[in-house]
N, C-alpha and C. Protein backbone atom coordinates (compact mmCIF):
# COMPACT_ATOMS: atom_id res chain seq x y z
N MET A 1 -18.90 -8.36 10.99
CA MET A 1 -17.77 -8.23 11.70
C MET A 1 -17.77 -7.47 13.00
N SER A 2 -17.52 -7.98 13.91
CA SER A 2 -17.97 -7.22 15.55
C SER A 2 -16.84 -6.21 15.78
N GLY A 3 -16.97 -5.24 16.75
CA GLY A 3 -16.25 -4.04 16.94
C GLY A 3 -14.53 -5.05 17.58
N LEU A 4 -14.78 -5.65 18.13
CA LEU A 4 -13.22 -6.41 18.43
C LEU A 4 -12.51 -6.93 17.42
N ASP A 5 -13.33 -7.93 16.46
CA ASP A 5 -12.88 -8.24 14.92
C ASP A 5 -12.35 -7.18 14.17
N VAL A 6 -13.12 -6.40 14.15
CA VAL A 6 -12.39 -5.02 13.44
C VAL A 6 -11.27 -4.23 13.61
N GLU A 7 -10.97 -4.43 15.47
CA GLU A 7 -9.86 -3.99 15.83
C GLU A 7 -8.80 -5.08 15.63
N ARG A 8 -8.98 -5.69 15.70
CA ARG A 8 -7.64 -7.20 15.21
C ARG A 8 -7.28 -7.50 13.80
N ARG A 9 -8.84 -6.84 12.85
CA ARG A 9 -8.37 -6.72 11.26
C ARG A 9 -7.00 -5.40 11.20
N ILE A 10 -7.46 -4.51 12.03
CA ILE A 10 -6.59 -3.26 11.63
C ILE A 10 -5.23 -3.26 12.26
N GLU A 11 -5.18 -3.81 13.46
CA GLU A 11 -3.98 -4.08 13.89
C GLU A 11 -3.35 -4.82 12.75
N ARG A 12 -3.82 -6.02 12.80
CA ARG A 12 -2.84 -6.82 11.84
C ARG A 12 -2.65 -6.13 10.42
N LEU A 13 -3.75 -5.79 9.97
CA LEU A 13 -3.22 -4.70 8.51
C LEU A 13 -2.28 -3.99 8.87
N LYS A 14 -1.87 -3.51 9.88
CA LYS A 14 -1.34 -2.31 9.96
C LYS A 14 0.13 -2.97 9.85
N THR A 15 0.25 -3.67 10.95
CA THR A 15 1.31 -4.93 10.87
C THR A 15 2.37 -5.47 9.75
N VAL A 16 1.10 -5.62 8.36
CA VAL A 16 1.56 -6.51 7.11
C VAL A 16 1.84 -5.22 6.43
N LYS A 17 1.24 -4.03 6.56
CA LYS A 17 1.50 -2.92 5.36
C LYS A 17 2.95 -2.35 6.29
N SER A 18 3.03 -2.20 7.02
CA SER A 18 4.49 -1.49 7.77
C SER A 18 5.45 -2.37 7.67
N ALA A 19 5.00 -3.53 7.36
CA ALA A 19 6.44 -4.46 6.85
C ALA A 19 6.76 -4.63 5.14
N PHE A 20 5.67 -4.75 4.72
CA PHE A 20 5.98 -4.17 3.31
C PHE A 20 6.50 -2.66 2.78
N ILE A 21 5.86 -1.81 3.55
CA ILE A 21 6.46 -0.14 3.06
C ILE A 21 8.16 -0.19 3.50
N LEU A 22 8.12 -0.91 4.85
CA LEU A 22 9.81 -1.00 5.24
C LEU A 22 10.83 -1.55 4.58
N GLU A 23 10.34 -2.98 3.95
CA GLU A 23 10.99 -3.50 3.17
C GLU A 23 10.87 -2.82 1.67
N ALA A 24 10.26 -2.14 1.53
CA ALA A 24 10.02 -1.42 0.21
C ALA A 24 10.84 -0.41 -0.05
N ARG A 25 11.00 0.58 1.07
CA ARG A 25 11.63 1.24 1.10
C ARG A 25 13.67 1.23 1.35
N SER A 26 13.77 0.14 1.80
CA SER A 26 15.11 -0.55 1.87
C SER A 26 15.46 -1.07 0.52
N LEU A 27 14.40 -1.76 -0.61
CA LEU A 27 15.17 -2.01 -1.82
C LEU A 27 14.89 -0.91 -2.54
N ASP A 28 14.22 0.21 -2.60
CA ASP A 28 14.41 1.27 -3.03
C ASP A 28 15.64 1.98 -3.22
N GLU A 29 16.00 2.06 -1.43
CA GLU A 29 17.47 2.88 -1.27
C GLU A 29 18.50 2.23 -1.34
N GLN A 30 18.39 1.01 -1.95
CA GLN A 30 19.32 0.08 -2.47
C GLN A 30 19.24 -0.11 -3.92
N GLY A 31 18.62 0.65 -4.46
CA GLY A 31 18.63 0.91 -6.10
C GLY A 31 17.74 -0.04 -7.09
N LEU A 32 16.97 -1.06 -6.33
CA LEU A 32 16.15 -2.44 -6.60
C LEU A 32 14.59 -1.55 -6.70
N ALA A 33 14.45 -0.75 -7.33
CA ALA A 33 13.31 -0.09 -7.15
C ALA A 33 11.80 -0.93 -8.11
N ALA A 34 12.70 -1.92 -8.89
CA ALA A 34 11.72 -2.76 -10.25
C ALA A 34 11.37 -3.90 -8.57
N PHE A 35 11.88 -3.94 -7.92
CA PHE A 35 11.09 -4.82 -6.59
C PHE A 35 10.51 -4.10 -5.44
N ALA A 36 10.99 -2.90 -5.44
CA ALA A 36 10.04 -2.51 -4.44
C ALA A 36 8.65 -2.05 -4.79
N ARG A 37 8.65 -2.05 -6.50
CA ARG A 37 6.67 -1.57 -6.84
C ARG A 37 6.19 -2.29 -6.42
N PRO A 38 5.95 -3.58 -6.18
CA PRO A 38 4.98 -4.55 -6.13
C PRO A 38 4.60 -4.40 -4.24
N LEU A 39 5.83 -3.70 -3.86
CA LEU A 39 5.32 -4.12 -2.19
C LEU A 39 4.89 -3.02 -1.93
N PHE A 40 5.21 -1.70 -2.45
CA PHE A 40 4.61 -0.36 -2.15
C PHE A 40 3.25 -0.63 -2.76
N ARG A 41 2.94 -1.22 -3.98
CA ARG A 41 1.43 -1.64 -4.38
C ARG A 41 0.67 -2.28 -3.24
N ARG A 42 1.74 -3.11 -2.81
CA ARG A 42 0.64 -4.59 -1.96
C ARG A 42 0.32 -3.34 -0.84
N ALA A 43 1.06 -2.98 -0.09
CA ALA A 43 1.03 -1.87 0.86
C ALA A 43 -0.29 -0.72 0.86
N ALA A 44 -0.27 -0.10 -0.51
CA ALA A 44 -1.32 0.78 -0.76
C ALA A 44 -2.72 0.29 -0.84
N GLU A 45 -2.54 -1.33 -1.22
CA GLU A 45 -3.97 -2.03 -1.15
C GLU A 45 -4.33 -2.23 0.53
N LEU A 46 -3.73 -2.37 1.04
CA LEU A 46 -3.91 -2.54 2.31
C LEU A 46 -3.60 -1.33 3.19
N GLU A 47 -3.34 -0.56 2.81
CA GLU A 47 -4.17 0.88 3.07
C GLU A 47 -5.64 1.44 3.06
N CYS A 48 -5.88 0.94 1.78
CA CYS A 48 -7.22 1.14 1.23
C CYS A 48 -7.96 0.40 2.30
N GLU A 49 -7.86 -0.98 2.48
CA GLU A 49 -8.59 -2.09 3.49
C GLU A 49 -8.71 -1.09 4.57
N LEU A 50 -7.70 -0.68 5.18
CA LEU A 50 -7.51 0.12 6.05
C LEU A 50 -8.81 1.39 6.25
N ALA A 51 -8.63 1.97 5.52
CA ALA A 51 -9.57 3.19 4.97
C ALA A 51 -10.98 2.58 5.59
N ASP A 52 -11.18 1.33 4.61
CA ASP A 52 -12.68 1.14 4.86
C ASP A 52 -12.96 0.65 6.11
N LEU A 53 -12.23 0.05 6.62
CA LEU A 53 -12.36 -0.67 8.11
C LEU A 53 -12.52 0.67 9.06
N PHE A 54 -12.08 2.12 8.82
CA PHE A 54 -11.80 2.89 9.63
C PHE A 54 -13.13 3.60 9.48
N ARG A 55 -13.57 3.97 8.03
CA ARG A 55 -14.88 4.22 7.95
C ARG A 55 -15.79 3.58 8.77
N LEU A 56 -15.91 2.12 8.71
CA LEU A 56 -16.86 1.12 9.62
C LEU A 56 -16.59 1.72 11.13
N GLN A 57 -15.81 2.04 11.17
CA GLN A 57 -15.95 2.90 12.64
C GLN A 57 -15.90 4.41 12.78
N ASN A 58 -16.39 4.90 11.72
CA ASN A 58 -16.48 6.44 11.79
C ASN A 58 -15.78 7.04 11.92
N ASP A 59 -14.36 6.72 11.60
CA ASP A 59 -13.23 6.97 12.39
C ASP A 59 -12.78 7.90 11.08
N SER A 60 -13.41 9.06 10.10
CA SER A 60 -12.74 9.30 9.19
C SER A 60 -11.47 10.13 9.48
N ARG A 61 -10.70 10.34 10.57
CA ARG A 61 -9.35 10.75 10.52
C ARG A 61 -8.60 9.92 9.94
N ASN A 62 -8.91 8.69 10.87
CA ASN A 62 -7.81 7.60 10.04
C ASN A 62 -8.35 7.07 8.82
N ALA A 63 -9.26 7.49 8.62
CA ALA A 63 -9.27 6.38 7.07
C ALA A 63 -8.45 7.54 6.00
N ALA A 64 -8.72 9.12 6.06
CA ALA A 64 -8.04 9.97 5.50
C ALA A 64 -6.52 9.51 5.51
N ILE A 65 -5.91 9.57 6.54
CA ILE A 65 -4.34 9.13 6.71
C ILE A 65 -4.16 8.52 5.90
N SER A 66 -4.81 6.97 5.86
CA SER A 66 -4.50 5.61 5.11
C SER A 66 -5.03 5.88 3.71
N LEU A 67 -5.46 6.70 3.18
CA LEU A 67 -5.87 6.94 1.75
C LEU A 67 -4.71 7.78 1.77
N PHE A 68 -4.32 8.76 2.27
CA PHE A 68 -2.65 9.08 1.82
C PHE A 68 -1.67 8.70 1.72
N SER A 69 -1.95 7.17 2.48
CA SER A 69 -0.75 6.98 2.48
C SER A 69 -0.64 5.87 1.29
N ALA A 70 -1.75 5.73 1.04
CA ALA A 70 -2.18 4.70 -0.01
C ALA A 70 -2.02 5.26 -1.24
N GLY A 71 -2.29 6.71 -1.76
CA GLY A 71 -1.62 7.04 -2.73
C GLY A 71 -0.16 7.65 -2.76
N SER A 72 0.30 7.77 -1.56
CA SER A 72 1.70 7.89 -1.47
C SER A 72 2.68 6.55 -1.98
N CYS A 73 1.89 5.77 -1.96
CA CYS A 73 2.67 4.08 -1.87
C CYS A 73 2.72 3.94 -3.20
N LEU A 74 0.88 4.31 -3.78
CA LEU A 74 1.14 3.97 -5.40
C LEU A 74 1.98 5.22 -6.38
N VAL A 75 2.21 6.60 -5.69
CA VAL A 75 2.79 6.97 -6.30
C VAL A 75 4.58 6.35 -6.52
N GLN A 76 5.45 5.34 -5.24
CA GLN A 76 6.07 4.77 -5.31
C GLN A 76 6.27 3.89 -6.43
N ALA A 77 5.01 3.19 -6.43
CA ALA A 77 4.40 2.03 -6.97
C ALA A 77 4.62 2.35 -8.65
N ARG A 78 5.07 3.40 -8.88
CA ARG A 78 4.38 4.17 -10.38
C ARG A 78 3.28 3.59 -10.80
N GLN A 79 2.20 3.71 -9.78
CA GLN A 79 0.93 3.47 -10.59
C GLN A 79 0.04 5.36 -10.17
N PHE A 80 0.40 5.65 -11.26
CA PHE A 80 -0.19 7.04 -11.09
C PHE A 80 -1.36 7.74 -11.32
N ARG A 81 -2.46 6.91 -12.22
CA ARG A 81 -3.52 6.93 -12.38
C ARG A 81 -4.39 7.12 -11.38
N SER A 82 -3.86 5.87 -10.34
CA SER A 82 -4.85 5.07 -8.97
C SER A 82 -4.00 6.34 -8.15
N ALA A 83 -2.99 6.61 -8.14
CA ALA A 83 -2.70 7.78 -6.86
C ALA A 83 -3.36 8.86 -6.85
N ALA A 84 -3.11 9.29 -7.83
CA ALA A 84 -3.80 10.48 -8.13
C ALA A 84 -5.49 10.20 -8.10
N GLU A 85 -5.78 9.47 -8.13
CA GLU A 85 -7.51 9.51 -7.64
C GLU A 85 -7.58 9.30 -6.52
N ILE A 86 -6.89 8.25 -5.72
CA ILE A 86 -7.11 8.05 -4.28
C ILE A 86 -6.59 10.14 -3.25
N LEU A 87 -5.62 10.02 -3.70
CA LEU A 87 -4.91 11.62 -3.26
C LEU A 87 -6.17 12.74 -3.36
N GLU A 88 -6.66 12.65 -4.72
CA GLU A 88 -7.97 13.85 -5.00
C GLU A 88 -9.13 13.78 -3.62
N THR A 89 -9.27 12.59 -3.18
CA THR A 89 -10.05 11.99 -2.11
C THR A 89 -9.84 13.08 -0.85
N VAL A 90 -8.37 13.05 -0.46
CA VAL A 90 -7.76 14.11 0.68
C VAL A 90 -7.76 15.39 0.62
N THR A 91 -7.64 15.83 -0.74
CA THR A 91 -6.54 16.84 -0.51
C THR A 91 -7.20 18.17 0.47
N ASP A 92 -8.89 18.03 0.80
CA ASP A 92 -9.08 18.91 1.15
C ASP A 92 -8.05 18.42 3.27
N ARG A 93 -8.32 17.92 3.86
CA ARG A 93 -7.55 17.09 4.84
C ARG A 93 -6.00 17.27 4.86
N PHE A 94 -5.33 16.68 3.38
CA PHE A 94 -4.16 16.77 3.34
C PHE A 94 -3.75 17.79 1.75
N PRO A 95 -3.47 19.11 2.34
CA PRO A 95 -3.01 20.07 1.16
C PRO A 95 -1.78 19.19 0.22
N GLU A 96 -0.72 18.80 1.08
CA GLU A 96 -0.09 18.45 0.40
C GLU A 96 0.06 17.32 -0.53
N ALA A 97 -1.17 17.04 -0.78
CA ALA A 97 -1.50 15.53 -1.77
C ALA A 97 -1.86 16.40 -3.26
N GLN A 98 -1.90 17.80 -2.92
CA GLN A 98 -1.79 18.68 -4.53
C GLN A 98 0.01 18.55 -4.93
N ALA A 99 0.73 18.20 -4.20
CA ALA A 99 2.01 18.29 -4.20
C ALA A 99 2.38 16.96 -5.30
N LEU A 100 1.87 15.40 -5.07
CA LEU A 100 2.11 14.37 -4.91
C LEU A 100 0.84 14.06 -6.14
N ILE A 101 -0.07 15.09 -6.81
CA ILE A 101 -1.25 14.72 -7.64
C ILE A 101 -0.41 15.19 -8.69
N ALA A 102 0.03 16.60 -8.89
CA ALA A 102 0.79 17.10 -10.05
C ALA A 102 2.18 16.14 -10.27
N GLU A 103 2.67 15.24 -9.16
CA GLU A 103 4.34 14.81 -9.53
C GLU A 103 3.32 13.07 -10.53
N CYS A 104 2.18 13.42 -10.71
CA CYS A 104 1.67 12.01 -10.88
C CYS A 104 1.32 12.41 -12.44
N GLY A 105 1.14 13.75 -12.68
CA GLY A 105 0.90 14.48 -14.33
C GLY A 105 -0.09 13.61 -15.44
N ASP A 106 0.99 13.95 -16.35
CA ASP A 106 0.35 12.53 -17.17
C ASP A 106 0.97 11.44 -17.47
N GLN A 107 1.86 11.09 -16.73
CA GLN A 107 2.67 9.93 -16.75
C GLN A 107 1.85 8.61 -16.71
N ASP A 108 1.84 7.06 -17.63
CA ASP A 108 1.49 6.20 -17.58
C ASP A 108 1.84 5.65 -16.43
N ASP A 109 1.03 4.64 -16.22
CA ASP A 109 1.65 3.58 -15.15
C ASP A 109 2.76 2.58 -15.51
N LEU A 110 3.54 2.05 -14.91
CA LEU A 110 3.92 1.34 -14.98
C LEU A 110 3.66 -0.25 -14.71
N PRO A 111 3.88 -1.55 -15.36
CA PRO A 111 3.19 -2.32 -15.52
C PRO A 111 3.61 -3.34 -13.94
N VAL A 112 2.82 -3.90 -13.24
CA VAL A 112 2.85 -4.44 -11.66
C VAL A 112 3.12 -6.32 -12.31
N VAL A 113 4.20 -6.17 -11.96
CA VAL A 113 5.14 -7.01 -11.98
C VAL A 113 5.15 -7.98 -10.42
N ALA A 114 4.18 -9.10 -10.54
CA ALA A 114 4.00 -9.53 -9.43
C ALA A 114 4.85 -10.51 -8.93
N GLU A 115 4.91 -11.31 -9.73
CA GLU A 115 6.07 -12.30 -9.63
C GLU A 115 7.57 -12.58 -10.61
N THR A 116 8.82 -12.81 -9.43
CA THR A 116 9.78 -12.99 -10.49
C THR A 116 10.37 -13.40 -9.03
N PRO A 117 11.47 -14.55 -9.94
CA PRO A 117 12.10 -15.01 -8.70
C PRO A 117 12.44 -14.50 -7.21
N ALA A 118 13.17 -13.08 -7.89
CA ALA A 118 13.87 -12.66 -6.50
C ALA A 118 12.75 -11.70 -5.64
N LEU A 119 11.74 -11.75 -6.52
CA LEU A 119 10.45 -10.92 -5.68
C LEU A 119 10.27 -12.73 -4.80
N GLN A 120 9.55 -13.12 -5.13
CA GLN A 120 9.12 -14.07 -4.39
C GLN A 120 10.20 -14.97 -3.06
N THR A 121 11.34 -14.70 -3.45
CA THR A 121 12.47 -15.07 -2.36
C THR A 121 12.50 -13.78 -1.26
N LEU A 122 12.14 -12.79 -2.02
CA LEU A 122 11.67 -11.57 -0.65
C LEU A 122 10.46 -12.04 0.12
N VAL A 123 9.05 -12.43 -0.56
CA VAL A 123 8.07 -12.65 0.49
C VAL A 123 8.47 -13.83 1.12
N GLU A 124 9.03 -14.78 0.71
CA GLU A 124 9.18 -15.88 1.83
C GLU A 124 10.22 -15.72 2.63
N LEU A 125 11.02 -14.65 2.73
CA LEU A 125 11.65 -14.05 3.43
C LEU A 125 11.13 -13.65 4.46
N LEU A 126 10.07 -12.51 4.14
CA LEU A 126 8.97 -12.04 4.57
C LEU A 126 8.46 -12.71 5.77
N VAL A 127 7.85 -13.84 5.02
CA VAL A 127 6.86 -15.15 5.90
C VAL A 127 7.77 -15.75 6.81
N LYS A 128 8.94 -16.07 6.79
CA LYS A 128 10.10 -16.49 7.45
C LYS A 128 10.70 -16.12 8.85
N LYS A 129 10.25 -14.52 8.21
CA LYS A 129 10.40 -13.32 9.80
C LYS A 129 9.46 -13.39 10.76
N GLY A 130 8.29 -13.85 10.20
CA GLY A 130 7.12 -13.53 10.78
C GLY A 130 6.47 -12.35 10.68
N LEU A 131 6.87 -11.79 10.07
CA LEU A 131 5.95 -10.06 9.12
C LEU A 131 4.67 -10.32 8.71
N ILE A 132 4.87 -11.15 7.48
CA ILE A 132 3.23 -11.32 7.03
C ILE A 132 3.13 -13.12 6.87
N THR A 133 1.92 -13.56 6.53
CA THR A 133 1.59 -14.74 6.11
C THR A 133 1.36 -14.99 5.00
N GLU A 134 1.72 -16.13 4.07
CA GLU A 134 1.53 -16.27 2.52
C GLU A 134 0.49 -15.78 2.56
N ASP A 135 -1.02 -15.84 3.16
CA ASP A 135 -2.31 -15.49 2.80
C ASP A 135 -1.97 -14.02 2.18
N ASP A 136 -0.81 -12.78 3.30
CA ASP A 136 -1.01 -11.59 3.05
C ASP A 136 -0.32 -11.41 1.89
N TRP A 137 0.05 -12.10 1.13
CA TRP A 137 1.00 -11.59 -0.27
C TRP A 137 -0.21 -12.62 -1.20
N VAL A 138 -0.37 -13.84 -1.18
CA VAL A 138 -0.48 -14.41 -2.19
C VAL A 138 -2.56 -13.83 -2.42
N GLY A 139 -2.60 -14.00 -3.53
CA GLY A 139 -3.64 -13.23 -4.17
C GLY A 139 -3.64 -11.53 -3.98
N ALA A 140 -2.65 -10.94 -3.62
CA ALA A 140 -2.37 -9.40 -3.67
C ALA A 140 -2.66 -8.87 -5.18
N PHE A 141 -2.37 -9.58 -6.21
CA PHE A 141 -2.78 -9.43 -7.66
C PHE A 141 -3.59 -10.35 -8.36
N ALA A 142 -4.06 -11.03 -7.66
CA ALA A 142 -5.09 -12.08 -8.41
C ALA A 142 -6.03 -11.40 -9.43
N ALA A 143 -6.47 -10.09 -8.57
CA ALA A 143 -7.56 -9.18 -9.22
C ALA A 143 -7.07 -8.94 -10.39
N ARG A 144 -5.88 -8.59 -10.65
CA ARG A 144 -5.05 -7.39 -11.98
C ARG A 144 -5.37 -8.28 -13.10
């Protein structure tokens, strides 16, 4: 992947993950945490992908920021084990990660529900708004 391709991919991923985070926060604030969790989970996956791309560019600062954000999103998604593992990698740069790790404690991960009619409707709305493409969502949980 050329440098320009990496930059374009980074910008696209930033846009998409921001859309997922904003929608997830909105749902969470409305008391619809169950619908927000898959969006937070997908945002975390995108943040990890961003971290990999930043590493390709030897940009450890932005890679760490993306990993911290991924861990935070996973806490919101109630994926505590994965969150703690990711947050452990950035505690030297972000001491506040320790508080999130403590929040994870010995809690079990909640199951990820990727497909419900209401969630599918939300995803379709994000696609119609042009914030994401169908490909940004499809396959997000295929490996789960």
